Amino acid sequence: MQVLVSDEAETELYRLAQEGSVWTQREVARTYVYLRYLNEKIAAAPDFWNIDGSATGFLQSFTTRRNGNPIWRLCPTHVSCIALLTVQDGDLLVLAFCSRAEIETLEQTLINC
C-alpha cells in the first residue's frame, strides 16, 4: 500500500501553494507533510494506516463511496486545504484538495465516482 495522488489533485495542490495566502500555503505544507507521514506509516503497517490519524483528528470520514470505501478528510480543520482520500486497488488515493466551503459538494460528486 502507498499514497497516490491523482493528477487533478496534484494540480490543485500546486495552484493553492502558488496562488494562496500565507495561511493557505501553511495549510498546503502541513497537508503535504502529513501525506508523507502517512506514506511512511502505511509502508510499515498497511492494515492500520487510519487508526493513528483518526485518533488525533487528522483523519475523519463522513461519507462512503458507492463501492463501500469511505472518503477520508485529511486535515479536516483546515480552511483552505483539505485532502479527500480513499482506498482504491490496495493504495491510498488522494482524490482532491478543497476548501472547507467546497467539501460537502465535492464529496457528493466523489460518492458517484
C-alpha atoms as a PDB file:
ATOM      1  CA  MET A   1       0.000   0.000   0.000  1.00  0.00           C
ATOM      2  CA  GLN A   2       1.205   3.503  -0.807  1.00  0.00           C
ATOM      3  CA  VAL A   3      -0.168   7.034  -1.094  1.00  0.00           C
ATOM      4  CA  LEU A   4      -1.027   8.049  -4.662  1.00  0.00           C
ATOM      5  CA  VAL A   5      -2.166  11.493  -5.783  1.00  0.00           C
ATOM      6  CA  SER A   6      -4.458  11.949  -8.782  1.00  0.00           C
ATOM      7  CA  ASP A   7      -3.245  14.344 -11.465  1.00  0.00           C
ATOM      8  CA  GLU A   8      -6.151  16.708 -10.823  1.00  0.00           C
ATOM      9  CA  ALA A   9      -5.454  16.770  -7.085  1.00  0.00           C
ATOM     10  CA  GLU A  10      -1.755  17.415  -7.646  1.00  0.00           C
ATOM     11  CA  THR A  11      -2.548  20.329  -9.964  1.00  0.00           C
ATOM     12  CA  GLU A  12      -4.917  21.818  -7.376  1.00  0.00           C
ATOM     13  CA  LEU A  13      -2.346  21.474  -4.599  1.00  0.00           C
ATOM     14  CA  TYR A  14       0.261  23.331  -6.683  1.00  0.00           C
ATOM     15  CA  ARG A  15      -2.284  26.033  -7.518  1.00  0.00           C
ATOM     16  CA  LEU A  16      -3.125  26.523  -3.850  1.00  0.00           C
ATOM     17  CA  ALA A  17       0.560  26.723  -2.958  1.00  0.00           C
ATOM     18  CA  GLN A  18       1.321  29.281  -5.664  1.00  0.00           C
ATOM     19  CA  GLU A  19      -1.777  31.476  -5.539  1.00  0.00           C
ATOM     20  CA  GLY A  20      -2.909  31.144  -1.937  1.00  0.00           C
ATOM     21  CA  SER A  21      -2.357  33.413   1.018  1.00  0.00           C
ATOM     22  CA  VAL A  22       0.370  32.725   3.547  1.00  0.00           C
ATOM     23  CA  TRP A  23      -2.203  30.886   5.672  1.00  0.00           C
ATOM     24  CA  THR A  24      -3.196  28.704   2.703  1.00  0.00           C
ATOM     25  CA  GLN A  25       0.456  27.962   1.980  1.00  0.00           C
ATOM     26  CA  ARG A  26       0.911  26.827   5.589  1.00  0.00           C
ATOM     27  CA  GLU A  27      -2.070  24.504   5.269  1.00  0.00           C
ATOM     28  CA  VAL A  28      -0.703  23.110   1.980  1.00  0.00           C
ATOM     29  CA  ALA A  29       2.646  22.435   3.661  1.00  0.00           C
ATOM     30  CA  ARG A  30       1.002  20.734   6.648  1.00  0.00           C
ATOM     31  CA  THR A  31      -1.169  18.585   4.396  1.00  0.00           C
ATOM     32  CA  TYR A  32       1.822  17.601   2.257  1.00  0.00           C
ATOM     33  CA  VAL A  33       3.884  16.669   5.323  1.00  0.00           C
ATOM     34  CA  TYR A  34       1.043  14.591   6.728  1.00  0.00           C
ATOM     35  CA  LEU A  35       0.655  12.766   3.383  1.00  0.00           C
ATOM     36  CA  ARG A  36       4.357  11.890   3.509  1.00  0.00           C
ATOM     37  CA  TYR A  37       3.917  10.725   7.096  1.00  0.00           C
ATOM     38  CA  LEU A  38       1.006   8.519   6.074  1.00  0.00           C
ATOM     39  CA  ASN A  39       3.053   7.061   3.222  1.00  0.00           C
ATOM     40  CA  GLU A  40       5.808   6.063   5.651  1.00  0.00           C
ATOM     41  CA  LYS A  41       3.321   4.782   8.217  1.00  0.00           C
ATOM     42  CA  ILE A  42       1.378   2.555   5.820  1.00  0.00           C
ATOM     43  CA  ALA A  43       4.605   1.123   4.398  1.00  0.00           C
ATOM     44  CA  ALA A  44       5.278  -0.276   7.880  1.00  0.00           C
ATOM     45  CA  ALA A  45       1.686  -1.230   8.824  1.00  0.00           C
ATOM     46  CA  PRO A  46      -0.719  -1.074   5.846  1.00  0.00           C
ATOM     47  CA  ASP A  47      -3.661  -2.564   7.730  1.00  0.00           C
ATOM     48  CA  PHE A  48      -3.674   0.171  10.368  1.00  0.00           C
ATOM     49  CA  TRP A  49      -2.975   3.351   8.383  1.00  0.00           C
ATOM     50  CA  ASN A  50      -6.046   5.225   9.606  1.00  0.00           C
ATOM     51  CA  ILE A  51      -6.040   4.459  13.336  1.00  0.00           C
ATOM     52  CA  ASP A  52      -3.409   6.977  14.425  1.00  0.00           C
ATOM     53  CA  GLY A  53      -4.804   9.712  12.172  1.00  0.00           C
ATOM     54  CA  SER A  54      -8.344   9.108  13.339  1.00  0.00           C
ATOM     55  CA  ALA A  55      -7.338   9.217  16.981  1.00  0.00           C
ATOM     56  CA  THR A  56      -5.513  12.523  16.567  1.00  0.00           C
ATOM     57  CA  GLY A  57      -8.227  14.112  14.425  1.00  0.00           C
ATOM     58  CA  PHE A  58      -6.126  14.427  11.268  1.00  0.00           C
ATOM     59  CA  LEU A  59      -8.391  11.928   9.501  1.00  0.00           C
ATOM     60  CA  GLN A  60     -12.175  11.845   9.590  1.00  0.00           C
ATOM     61  CA  SER A  61     -14.695  10.022   7.456  1.00  0.00           C
ATOM     62  CA  PHE A  62     -18.208  11.348   6.958  1.00  0.00           C
ATOM     63  CA  THR A  63     -19.295   9.600   3.780  1.00  0.00           C
ATOM     64  CA  THR A  64     -18.811   6.436   1.765  1.00  0.00           C
ATOM     65  CA  ARG A  65     -18.434   5.898  -1.965  1.00  0.00           C
ATOM     66  CA  ARG A  66     -20.826   3.636  -3.845  1.00  0.00           C
ATOM     67  CA  ASN A  67     -18.206   0.864  -3.819  1.00  0.00           C
ATOM     68  CA  GLY A  68     -18.312   0.880   0.003  1.00  0.00           C
ATOM     69  CA  ASN A  69     -14.957   2.599   0.580  1.00  0.00           C
ATOM     70  CA  PRO A  70     -15.045   5.580   2.919  1.00  0.00           C
ATOM     71  CA  ILE A  71     -13.897   9.013   1.812  1.00  0.00           C
ATOM     72  CA  TRP A  72     -11.461  10.346   4.395  1.00  0.00           C
ATOM     73  CA  ARG A  73     -10.854  14.014   5.097  1.00  0.00           C
ATOM     74  CA  LEU A  74      -7.187  14.699   5.841  1.00  0.00           C
ATOM     75  CA  CYS A  75      -6.669  17.825   7.980  1.00  0.00           C
ATOM     76  CA  PRO A  76     -10.433  18.455   8.316  1.00  0.00           C
ATOM     77  CA  THR A  77      -9.944  21.554  10.483  1.00  0.00           C
ATOM     78  CA  HIS A  78      -8.128  23.410   7.711  1.00  0.00           C
ATOM     79  CA  VAL A  79      -9.944  26.229   5.949  1.00  0.00           C
ATOM     80  CA  SER A  80      -8.300  26.205   2.502  1.00  0.00           C
ATOM     81  CA  CYS A  81      -6.546  22.852   2.012  1.00  0.00           C
ATOM     82  CA  ILE A  82      -8.334  19.644   2.966  1.00  0.00           C
ATOM     83  CA  ALA A  83      -7.369  16.426   1.209  1.00  0.00           C
ATOM     84  CA  LEU A  84     -10.023  13.837   0.319  1.00  0.00           C
ATOM     85  CA  LEU A  85      -8.698  10.267   0.334  1.00  0.00           C
ATOM     86  CA  THR A  86      -9.997   6.782  -0.320  1.00  0.00           C
ATOM     87  CA  VAL A  87      -8.590   3.276  -0.545  1.00  0.00           C
ATOM     88  CA  GLN A  88      -8.533   2.091  -4.146  1.00  0.00           C
ATOM     89  CA  ASP A  89      -6.873  -1.021  -5.558  1.00  0.00           C
ATOM     90  CA  GLY A  90      -4.951  -1.502  -2.323  1.00  0.00           C
ATOM     91  CA  ASP A  91      -3.497   2.017  -2.271  1.00  0.00           C
ATOM     92  CA  LEU A  92      -4.480   5.206  -0.508  1.00  0.00           C
ATOM     93  CA  LEU A  93      -5.594   7.580  -3.273  1.00  0.00           C
ATOM     94  CA  VAL A  94      -5.808  11.344  -2.870  1.00  0.00           C
ATOM     95  CA  LEU A  95      -8.906  12.236  -4.870  1.00  0.00           C
ATOM     96  CA  ALA A  96      -8.907  16.006  -4.415  1.00  0.00           C
ATOM     97  CA  PHE A  97      -7.912  19.013  -2.362  1.00  0.00           C
ATOM     98  CA  CYS A  98     -10.555  21.571  -1.473  1.00  0.00           C
ATOM     99  CA  SER A  99     -11.576  24.264   0.967  1.00  0.00           C
ATOM    100  CA  ARG A 100     -13.990  23.806   3.850  1.00  0.00           C
ATOM    101  CA  ALA A 101     -16.640  25.699   1.866  1.00  0.00           C
ATOM    102  CA  GLU A 102     -16.424  23.220  -1.043  1.00  0.00           C
ATOM    103  CA  ILE A 103     -16.052  19.967   0.854  1.00  0.00           C
ATOM    104  CA  GLU A 104     -19.648  18.732   1.039  1.00  0.00           C
ATOM    105  CA  THR A 105     -20.335  19.448  -2.638  1.00  0.00           C
ATOM    106  CA  LEU A 106     -17.124  17.756  -3.712  1.00  0.00           C
ATOM    107  CA  GLU A 107     -17.776  14.725  -1.505  1.00  0.00           C
ATOM    108  CA  GLN A 108     -21.217  14.303  -3.092  1.00  0.00           C
ATOM    109  CA  THR A 109     -19.571  14.340  -6.516  1.00  0.00           C
ATOM    110  CA  LEU A 110     -16.925  11.804  -5.430  1.00  0.00           C
ATOM    111  CA  ILE A 111     -19.510   9.410  -3.988  1.00  0.00           C
ATOM    112  CA  ASN A 112     -20.669   8.600  -7.512  1.00  0.00           C
ATOM    113  CA  CYS A 113     -17.180   8.111  -8.985  1.00  0.00           C
END
